[in-house]
Amino acid sequence: MNYIKKNELFELRDFLILWSTQSVSQLGSSMTAFALTLWLYEKTGSSLSTAALTICSYAPYVLMSIFAGALTDRWNKKKTMLCCDMFAVICTIIVFVLFRADCLAVWHLYVLNAVSGLMNTVQQPASEVAMTLIISEKYYQKTSGLRSLSGALISILNPLIATALYAFAGPGGVIAVDVGSFIAAFTALLFFIKIPENKSDKRESACSLAKEGLLFLKENPLIMTLILFMSGVNLIASAFDAVLPGYVIPNLKGGVSVLGIVTSCSGIAMVIGSLAASVLPKPKNRVKVIYRTMLFSLGTENFLLAFSREPVLWCIGQVIGWILVPVMNANLDVILRTTIPVKLQGRVYACRNTLQFFTIPIGLFFGGFMVDHVCEPFMSEYGGLSILKTFFGTGKGSGAALMMFILGVSGSFICIMTGRKLKKYQYNEK
């Protein structure tokens, strides 16, 4: 193999098994999330109600991460991941049973997504530390590229497979595939993967441990600034995710199948970007790579979708917006793993999760609310004006186009201002 040399296969054995099986499970989970989004939009026709589905997953994740991650530094990483995965799949099975019994209601999805999000709150930092423990530092950039690659493939396959299965067997068929993928990943983790323990000797309370994570970030302003920058990026990106269905589905040239294709294009772009991130040499300045790639992404995709009416251009916009994301992720991942001591990574990653991802539910709500209650009513009343009609079109979906323009301006501003601030910090890689 040219991509991973034969002698590296042995050194990366545990990582490759964990990465591949967990990726299959994540594909199943993503397919279920996509199918339930389609089901909910069919029921409500509201961008805000579909965005609320993801909000319920992220709200407990954001609120509890700072404490849960501190605890994972003391817990057995493998057992933590297995228990959390088990609880999450139980929630999925409950959705399946309710759907088959024709009792599935919108509030059921919100509650179960919240429980699943709570499990992910504990599982995610445990998984991050586990990756550090089973990967040699010299493979950080390569393995980060592989993880981005699997995420990209999931982005491609998830909407396509989910849409096809949804049309053929409904949400129940998609959920059944999800459960099967979980069984494969759970079995691999339980029997074939050994994760070294790096358990903390300390027995302080979760609050004390979380405080240590926050103190580390306070003493490392470069890491804190990067995390806050990514929270701004996540705000724009999550708002975009809430807006996209309301933009594509009601469009005359759009629809559910087109939404699946457009969504898959982001995955295609990430495959290319992930391969590039895995083979590119070490950059001279990782910090510059992070904010410049995001400026390119946020400063092009939103504007292209806002002003275009053709699915081909929407696909091109997705490719442009996502192709450099894996490159950014790889450089950010290297900075974090080489800067944060392993014994502190659980609590610091947990603090990172709270600070970096708290904007996702806000962005989802903001994007859905703005489309349903501000931009669509505005375009309905004033969309006849020639300048608005030229830029954003007419009818349902034109308000979503206006919102994408707003997101493009906001995202570019965040990247430019953060780039100026980051210039005063220096990162010296070992």
Protein backbone atom coordinates (compact mmCIF):
# COMPACT_ATOMS: atom_id res chain seq x y z
CA MET A 1 0.00 0.00 0.00
CA ASN A 2 1.30 3.47 -0.85
CA TYR A 3 -1.06 5.48 1.32
CA ILE A 4 -0.20 3.61 4.53
CA LYS A 5 3.05 1.62 4.44
CA LYS A 6 3.00 -2.00 5.52
CA ASN A 7 5.11 -1.39 8.62
CA GLU A 8 2.65 1.30 9.68
CA LEU A 9 -0.28 -1.11 9.54
CA PHE A 10 0.93 -2.94 12.62
CA GLU A 11 1.57 0.26 14.57
CA LEU A 12 -1.86 1.62 13.62
CA ARG A 13 -3.76 -1.67 14.00
CA ASP A 14 -5.97 -0.61 16.91
CA PHE A 15 -6.60 2.79 15.39
CA LEU A 16 -7.57 1.32 12.01
CA ILE A 17 -10.02 -1.15 13.56
CA LEU A 18 -11.56 1.48 15.83
CA TRP A 19 -11.68 4.11 13.10
CA SER A 20 -13.22 1.88 10.44
CA THR A 21 -15.89 0.25 12.62
CA GLN A 22 -16.85 3.46 14.37
CA SER A 23 -17.12 5.13 10.96
CA VAL A 24 -19.61 2.47 9.84
CA SER A 25 -21.63 3.08 12.99
CA GLN A 26 -21.49 6.84 12.46
CA LEU A 27 -22.76 6.33 8.91
CA GLY A 28 -25.76 4.46 10.27
CA SER A 29 -26.45 7.14 12.87
CA SER A 30 -26.14 9.91 10.27
CA MET A 31 -28.55 8.09 7.96
CA THR A 32 -31.11 7.88 10.77
CA ALA A 33 -30.70 11.58 11.55
CA PHE A 34 -31.17 12.48 7.86
CA ALA A 35 -34.22 10.24 7.48
CA LEU A 36 -35.85 11.67 10.60
CA THR A 37 -35.16 15.19 9.30
CA LEU A 38 -37.02 14.31 6.08
CA TRP A 39 -39.88 12.76 8.07
CA LEU A 40 -40.14 15.82 10.29
CA TYR A 41 -40.05 18.30 7.40
CA GLU A 42 -42.84 16.35 5.70
CA LYS A 43 -44.88 16.59 8.92
CA THR A 44 -44.28 20.27 9.68
CA GLY A 45 -42.85 22.04 6.61
CA SER A 46 -40.84 24.20 9.05
CA SER A 47 -37.10 24.89 8.98
CA LEU A 48 -37.19 25.70 12.70
CA SER A 49 -38.84 22.42 13.70
CA THR A 50 -36.28 20.37 11.79
CA ALA A 51 -33.43 22.44 13.24
CA ALA A 52 -34.87 21.80 16.73
CA LEU A 53 -34.16 18.09 16.20
CA THR A 54 -30.44 18.78 16.14
CA ILE A 55 -30.71 21.41 18.86
CA CYS A 56 -32.04 18.76 21.23
CA SER A 57 -28.96 16.63 20.51
CA TYR A 58 -26.48 19.44 21.05
CA ALA A 59 -28.04 21.23 24.04
CA PRO A 60 -27.13 18.56 26.65
CA TYR A 61 -23.80 18.04 24.87
CA VAL A 62 -22.92 21.71 25.32
CA LEU A 63 -24.29 22.09 28.84
CA MET A 64 -22.74 18.95 30.34
CA SER A 65 -19.50 18.48 28.36
CA ILE A 66 -17.37 20.54 30.69
CA PHE A 67 -18.16 18.18 33.59
CA ALA A 68 -18.46 14.89 31.70
CA GLY A 69 -15.07 15.24 30.08
CA ALA A 70 -13.41 15.86 33.43
CA LEU A 71 -14.86 12.58 34.67
CA THR A 72 -13.66 10.64 31.63
CA ASP A 73 -10.07 11.42 32.64
CA ARG A 74 -10.74 9.16 35.65
CA TRP A 75 -12.90 6.52 33.95
CA ASN A 76 -11.94 3.55 31.83
CA LYS A 77 -12.12 4.88 28.25
CA LYS A 78 -13.20 1.62 26.62
CA LYS A 79 -15.98 0.91 29.12
CA THR A 80 -17.18 4.50 28.88
CA MET A 81 -17.45 4.30 25.08
CA LEU A 82 -19.24 0.95 25.20
CA CYS A 83 -21.80 2.10 27.78
CA CYS A 84 -22.55 5.35 25.98
CA ASP A 85 -22.95 3.61 22.63
CA MET A 86 -25.34 1.12 24.23
CA PHE A 87 -27.58 3.85 25.64
CA ALA A 88 -27.58 5.71 22.31
CA VAL A 89 -28.66 2.64 20.33
CA ILE A 90 -31.45 1.96 22.84
CA CYS A 91 -32.84 5.41 22.00
CA THR A 92 -32.68 4.52 18.31
CA ILE A 93 -34.51 1.23 18.89
CA ILE A 94 -37.25 3.08 20.80
CA VAL A 95 -37.76 5.35 17.78
CA PHE A 96 -38.03 2.26 15.57
CA VAL A 97 -40.61 0.64 17.85
CA LEU A 98 -42.69 3.82 18.04
CA PHE A 99 -42.60 4.23 14.28
CA ARG A 100 -43.62 0.63 13.64
CA ALA A 101 -46.47 1.04 16.12
CA ASP A 102 -47.56 4.22 14.29
CA CYS A 103 -47.14 6.15 17.55
CA LEU A 104 -44.11 8.25 16.67
CA ALA A 105 -44.67 11.93 17.50
CA VAL A 106 -42.44 14.97 17.08
CA TRP A 107 -41.87 15.34 20.82
CA HIS A 108 -40.66 11.74 21.01
CA LEU A 109 -37.82 12.62 18.66
CA TYR A 110 -36.89 15.70 20.65
CA VAL A 111 -36.71 13.81 23.96
CA LEU A 112 -34.82 10.82 22.57
CA ASN A 113 -32.38 13.04 20.71
CA ALA A 114 -31.68 14.87 23.98
CA VAL A 115 -30.90 11.57 25.74
CA SER A 116 -28.69 10.45 22.85
CA GLY A 117 -26.90 13.81 22.95
CA LEU A 118 -26.25 13.37 26.66
CA MET A 119 -24.58 10.01 25.99
CA ASN A 120 -22.42 11.61 23.30
CA THR A 121 -21.37 14.21 25.87
CA VAL A 122 -19.46 11.52 27.78
CA GLN A 123 -18.49 9.33 24.83
CA GLN A 124 -16.85 12.02 22.69
CA PRO A 125 -14.04 13.16 25.05
CA ALA A 126 -13.38 9.52 25.99
CA SER A 127 -13.02 8.72 22.29
CA GLU A 128 -10.68 11.67 21.70
CA VAL A 129 -8.37 10.60 24.53
CA ALA A 130 -8.54 6.97 23.36
CA MET A 131 -7.33 8.06 19.93
CA THR A 132 -4.38 9.89 21.49
CA LEU A 133 -3.48 6.81 23.55
CA ILE A 134 -3.44 4.40 20.60
CA ILE A 135 -1.77 6.73 18.05
CA SER A 136 1.91 7.64 17.99
CA GLU A 137 2.52 11.39 17.71
CA LYS A 138 4.24 10.98 14.34
CA TYR A 139 0.93 9.76 12.88
CA TYR A 140 -1.29 12.59 14.21
CA GLN A 141 -1.66 14.45 10.91
CA LYS A 142 -2.10 11.27 8.85
CA THR A 143 -4.72 9.78 11.19
CA SER A 144 -6.51 13.10 11.42
CA GLY A 145 -6.72 13.05 7.63
CA LEU A 146 -8.14 9.52 7.73
CA ARG A 147 -10.75 10.57 10.27
CA SER A 148 -11.71 13.49 8.05
CA LEU A 149 -11.84 11.08 5.11
CA SER A 150 -14.32 8.82 6.87
CA GLY A 151 -16.38 11.86 7.84
CA ALA A 152 -16.37 12.93 4.21
CA LEU A 153 -17.45 9.52 2.98
CA ILE A 154 -20.25 9.56 5.54
CA SER A 155 -21.34 12.95 4.22
CA ILE A 156 -21.48 11.52 0.69
CA LEU A 157 -23.13 8.20 1.42
CA ASN A 158 -25.43 9.25 4.25
CA PRO A 159 -27.96 11.36 2.30
CA LEU A 160 -27.84 9.14 -0.79
CA ILE A 161 -28.38 5.85 1.04
CA ALA A 162 -30.79 7.40 3.54
CA THR A 163 -32.90 8.96 0.77
CA ALA A 164 -33.04 5.68 -1.17
CA LEU A 165 -33.87 3.61 1.92
CA TYR A 166 -36.38 6.20 3.08
CA ALA A 167 -38.21 6.02 -0.25
CA PHE A 168 -38.13 2.21 -0.26
CA ALA A 169 -38.70 1.30 3.41
CA GLY A 170 -39.40 4.54 5.26
CA PRO A 171 -37.66 5.64 8.48
CA GLY A 172 -37.96 2.11 9.89
CA GLY A 173 -35.70 0.64 7.20
CA VAL A 174 -33.05 3.29 7.79
CA ILE A 175 -33.12 2.73 11.55
CA ALA A 176 -32.75 -1.05 11.08
CA VAL A 177 -29.52 -0.49 9.10
CA ASP A 178 -28.31 1.89 11.82
CA VAL A 179 -28.77 -0.78 14.52
CA GLY A 180 -26.87 -3.32 12.41
CA SER A 181 -23.92 -0.94 12.00
CA PHE A 182 -23.89 -0.36 15.77
CA ILE A 183 -23.62 -4.11 16.44
CA ALA A 184 -20.54 -4.36 14.20
CA ALA A 185 -18.80 -1.41 15.86
CA PHE A 186 -19.71 -2.52 19.40
CA THR A 187 -18.36 -6.03 18.78
CA ALA A 188 -15.07 -4.73 17.35
CA LEU A 189 -14.51 -2.37 20.29
CA LEU A 190 -15.40 -5.01 22.86
CA PHE A 191 -13.29 -7.89 21.56
CA PHE A 192 -10.56 -6.62 19.21
CA ILE A 193 -9.32 -3.24 20.49
CA LYS A 194 -7.04 -2.62 23.44
CA ILE A 195 -6.98 0.93 24.76
CA PRO A 196 -4.17 1.74 27.23
CA GLU A 197 -5.33 3.41 30.42
CA ASN A 198 -4.14 6.86 31.41
CA LYS A 199 -6.43 7.21 34.39
CA SER A 200 -5.91 10.27 36.56
CA ASP A 201 -4.73 9.63 40.10
CA LYS A 202 -6.75 12.58 41.34
CA ARG A 203 -10.09 12.16 42.99
CA GLU A 204 -11.35 15.74 43.00
CA SER A 205 -14.90 16.60 42.15
CA ALA A 206 -15.98 17.05 38.55
CA CYS A 207 -16.16 20.80 39.14
CA SER A 208 -12.53 20.91 40.32
CA LEU A 209 -11.36 18.87 37.35
CA ALA A 210 -13.35 21.03 34.93
CA LYS A 211 -11.76 24.10 36.51
CA GLU A 212 -8.33 22.67 35.65
CA GLY A 213 -9.37 22.42 32.02
CA LEU A 214 -10.57 26.03 31.96
CA LEU A 215 -7.38 27.16 33.71
CA PHE A 216 -5.26 25.45 31.05
CA LEU A 217 -7.16 27.30 28.32
CA LYS A 218 -6.80 30.60 30.19
CA GLU A 219 -3.04 30.08 30.36
CA ASN A 220 -2.85 29.21 26.65
CA PRO A 221 -4.46 32.14 24.79
CA LEU A 222 -3.64 30.72 21.35
CA ILE A 223 -5.69 27.58 22.04
CA MET A 224 -8.51 29.63 23.57
CA THR A 225 -8.62 32.00 20.59
CA LEU A 226 -8.71 29.11 18.12
CA ILE A 227 -11.54 27.47 20.06
CA LEU A 228 -13.57 30.70 20.16
CA PHE A 229 -12.89 31.22 16.46
CA MET A 230 -14.24 27.75 15.74
CA SER A 231 -17.31 28.56 17.82
CA GLY A 232 -17.97 31.44 15.44
CA VAL A 233 -17.43 29.18 12.43
CA ASN A 234 -19.84 26.64 13.95
CA LEU A 235 -22.44 29.36 14.46
CA ILE A 236 -22.42 30.19 10.75
CA ALA A 237 -22.16 26.55 9.60
CA SER A 238 -25.02 25.33 11.82
CA ALA A 239 -27.23 28.20 10.72
CA PHE A 240 -26.44 27.21 7.13
CA ASP A 241 -27.47 23.61 7.91
CA ALA A 242 -30.83 24.87 9.21
CA VAL A 243 -31.36 27.06 6.16
CA LEU A 244 -30.38 24.54 3.45
CA PRO A 245 -33.52 22.31 3.52
CA GLY A 246 -35.74 25.41 3.43
CA TYR A 247 -33.75 26.64 0.45
CA VAL A 248 -33.50 23.47 -1.66
CA ILE A 249 -36.73 21.54 -0.99
CA PRO A 250 -39.29 24.24 -1.97
CA ASN A 251 -37.24 25.44 -4.93
CA LEU A 252 -38.75 24.70 -8.36
CA LYS A 253 -35.58 22.84 -9.33
CA GLY A 254 -35.06 21.36 -5.88
CA GLY A 255 -36.79 18.71 -3.78
CA VAL A 256 -35.82 15.95 -1.36
CA SER A 257 -33.67 14.02 -3.85
CA VAL A 258 -31.83 17.18 -4.89
CA LEU A 259 -31.18 17.98 -1.23
CA GLY A 260 -29.55 14.57 -0.87
CA ILE A 261 -27.31 15.18 -3.88
CA VAL A 262 -26.34 18.69 -2.76
CA THR A 263 -25.56 17.44 0.74
CA SER A 264 -23.44 14.62 -0.69
CA CYS A 265 -21.30 17.10 -2.60
CA SER A 266 -19.90 18.40 0.68
CA GLY A 267 -18.76 14.85 1.38
CA ILE A 268 -17.09 14.54 -2.02
CA ALA A 269 -15.20 17.74 -1.32
CA MET A 270 -14.13 16.45 2.08
CA VAL A 271 -12.82 13.21 0.58
CA ILE A 272 -10.52 15.24 -1.66
CA GLY A 273 -9.57 17.53 1.20
CA SER A 274 -8.96 14.62 3.57
CA LEU A 275 -6.61 12.91 1.13
CA ALA A 276 -4.77 16.19 0.71
CA ALA A 277 -4.53 16.71 4.48
CA SER A 278 -3.04 13.23 4.92
CA VAL A 279 -0.25 13.66 2.36
CA LEU A 280 0.54 17.38 2.50
CA PRO A 281 3.84 18.29 4.17
CA LYS A 282 3.90 20.16 7.45
CA PRO A 283 2.92 23.80 6.77
CA LYS A 284 5.12 26.68 7.89
CA ASN A 285 2.30 28.21 9.90
CA ARG A 286 -0.59 25.98 11.02
CA VAL A 287 -2.46 28.89 12.58
CA LYS A 288 -2.64 30.82 9.30
CA VAL A 289 -3.89 27.70 7.53
CA ILE A 290 -6.79 27.44 9.97
CA TYR A 291 -8.31 30.90 9.58
CA ARG A 292 -7.46 31.37 5.90
CA THR A 293 -9.12 28.12 4.86
CA MET A 294 -12.26 29.09 6.77
CA LEU A 295 -12.30 32.54 5.17
CA PHE A 296 -12.21 30.89 1.76
CA SER A 297 -14.97 28.44 2.69
CA LEU A 298 -17.41 30.80 4.39
CA GLY A 299 -16.67 33.64 2.00
CA THR A 300 -17.62 31.70 -1.13
CA GLU A 301 -20.20 28.96 -0.47
CA ASN A 302 -22.87 31.10 1.17
CA PHE A 303 -22.73 33.78 -1.51
CA LEU A 304 -22.77 31.30 -4.38
CA LEU A 305 -25.86 29.54 -3.05
CA ALA A 306 -27.58 32.81 -2.18
CA PHE A 307 -27.31 34.17 -5.72
CA SER A 308 -27.77 30.98 -7.78
CA ARG A 309 -30.89 29.08 -8.84
CA GLU A 310 -29.31 26.03 -10.43
CA PRO A 311 -28.64 22.73 -8.59
CA VAL A 312 -25.30 22.40 -10.39
CA LEU A 313 -24.14 25.68 -8.85
CA TRP A 314 -25.40 24.58 -5.43
CA CYS A 315 -23.24 21.48 -5.75
CA ILE A 316 -20.22 23.56 -6.79
CA GLY A 317 -20.84 25.83 -3.81
CA GLN A 318 -20.83 22.84 -1.46
CA VAL A 319 -17.56 21.59 -2.93
CA ILE A 320 -15.91 25.00 -2.56
CA GLY A 321 -17.22 25.40 0.97
CA TRP A 322 -16.04 22.01 2.25
CA ILE A 323 -12.90 21.04 0.36
CA LEU A 324 -10.53 22.82 2.76
CA VAL A 325 -12.33 21.88 5.98
CA PRO A 326 -10.28 18.65 6.47
CA VAL A 327 -7.07 20.63 5.98
CA MET A 328 -8.19 23.04 8.69
CA ASN A 329 -9.24 20.18 10.98
CA ALA A 330 -5.92 18.35 10.57
CA ASN A 331 -3.89 21.42 11.51
CA LEU A 332 -6.14 22.26 14.45
CA ASP A 333 -5.96 18.65 15.64
CA VAL A 334 -2.15 18.65 15.57
CA ILE A 335 -2.00 21.91 17.53
CA LEU A 336 -4.35 20.60 20.22
CA ARG A 337 -2.76 17.14 20.60
CA THR A 338 0.81 18.49 20.75
CA THR A 339 -0.04 21.33 23.12
CA ILE A 340 -2.39 19.69 25.64
CA PRO A 341 -0.82 17.11 28.02
CA VAL A 342 -2.43 13.67 27.65
CA LYS A 343 -3.41 13.55 31.33
CA LEU A 344 -5.41 16.76 30.87
CA GLN A 345 -6.89 16.05 27.44
CA GLY A 346 -10.23 14.68 28.68
CA ARG A 347 -11.07 17.78 30.71
CA VAL A 348 -9.55 20.23 28.23
CA TYR A 349 -11.33 18.63 25.27
CA ALA A 350 -14.53 18.74 27.30
CA CYS A 351 -14.08 22.47 27.94
CA ARG A 352 -13.28 22.82 24.25
CA ASN A 353 -16.52 21.04 23.38
CA THR A 354 -18.57 23.39 25.52
CA LEU A 355 -16.89 26.57 24.26
CA GLN A 356 -16.56 25.52 20.62
CA PHE A 357 -19.92 23.82 20.12
CA PHE A 358 -22.30 25.89 22.26
CA THR A 359 -22.99 28.02 19.19
CA ILE A 360 -24.32 25.05 17.19
CA PRO A 361 -27.79 24.91 18.83
CA ILE A 362 -27.85 28.72 18.76
CA GLY A 363 -27.00 28.71 15.06
CA LEU A 364 -29.59 26.05 14.26
CA PHE A 365 -32.29 28.00 16.09
CA PHE A 366 -31.13 31.30 14.62
CA GLY A 367 -31.06 29.96 11.05
CA GLY A 368 -34.46 28.27 11.30
CA PHE A 369 -36.06 31.23 13.07
CA MET A 370 -34.68 33.78 10.62
CA VAL A 371 -35.94 31.81 7.60
CA ASP A 372 -39.43 31.10 8.98
CA HIS A 373 -40.17 34.36 10.79
CA VAL A 374 -37.95 37.06 9.28
CA CYS A 375 -36.50 36.41 5.83
CA GLU A 376 -39.40 34.52 4.21
CA PRO A 377 -42.02 37.07 5.43
CA PHE A 378 -39.70 39.89 4.34
CA MET A 379 -39.29 38.45 0.84
CA SER A 380 -43.00 37.71 0.66
CA GLU A 381 -43.73 41.39 1.21
CA TYR A 382 -40.82 43.09 -0.53
CA GLY A 383 -39.54 40.37 -2.88
CA GLY A 384 -41.16 42.13 -5.82
CA LEU A 385 -38.48 44.82 -5.73
CA SER A 386 -36.22 44.36 -8.73
CA ILE A 387 -32.95 44.25 -6.77
CA LEU A 388 -34.23 41.61 -4.32
CA LYS A 389 -35.85 39.61 -7.09
CA THR A 390 -32.62 39.65 -9.10
CA PHE A 391 -30.40 38.58 -6.22
CA PHE A 392 -32.62 36.16 -4.31
CA GLY A 393 -35.45 35.10 -6.61
CA THR A 394 -39.11 34.91 -5.67
CA GLY A 395 -41.49 32.56 -3.87
CA LYS A 396 -40.81 30.19 -0.99
CA GLY A 397 -37.07 29.69 -0.67
CA SER A 398 -36.12 33.25 -1.56
CA GLY A 399 -36.02 34.13 2.13
CA ALA A 400 -33.58 31.27 2.69
CA ALA A 401 -31.42 32.70 -0.11
CA LEU A 402 -31.42 36.07 1.65
CA MET A 403 -30.38 34.36 4.87
CA MET A 404 -27.45 32.67 3.12
CA PHE A 405 -26.24 36.08 1.97
CA ILE A 406 -26.38 37.30 5.58
CA LEU A 407 -24.39 34.25 6.68
CA GLY A 408 -21.76 34.88 4.00
CA VAL A 409 -21.18 38.44 5.21
CA SER A 410 -21.09 37.36 8.87
CA GLY A 411 -18.74 34.43 8.28
CA SER A 412 -16.26 36.54 6.31
CA PHE A 413 -16.24 39.18 9.05
CA ILE A 414 -15.53 36.59 11.78
CA CYS A 415 -12.59 35.12 9.83
CA ILE A 416 -11.02 38.49 9.01
CA MET A 417 -11.25 39.81 12.58
CA THR A 418 -9.96 36.58 14.13
CA GLY A 419 -7.10 36.41 11.64
CA ARG A 420 -5.89 39.80 12.82
CA LYS A 421 -5.95 38.66 16.44
CA LEU A 422 -4.18 35.36 15.78
CA LYS A 423 -1.21 37.09 14.14
CA LYS A 424 0.18 38.05 17.56
CA TYR A 425 0.37 34.42 18.77
CA GLN A 426 3.15 32.00 17.96
CA TYR A 427 2.85 28.22 17.77
CA ASN A 428 6.08 26.26 17.97
CA GLU A 429 5.66 22.60 17.05
CA LYS A 430 8.00 20.09 18.63
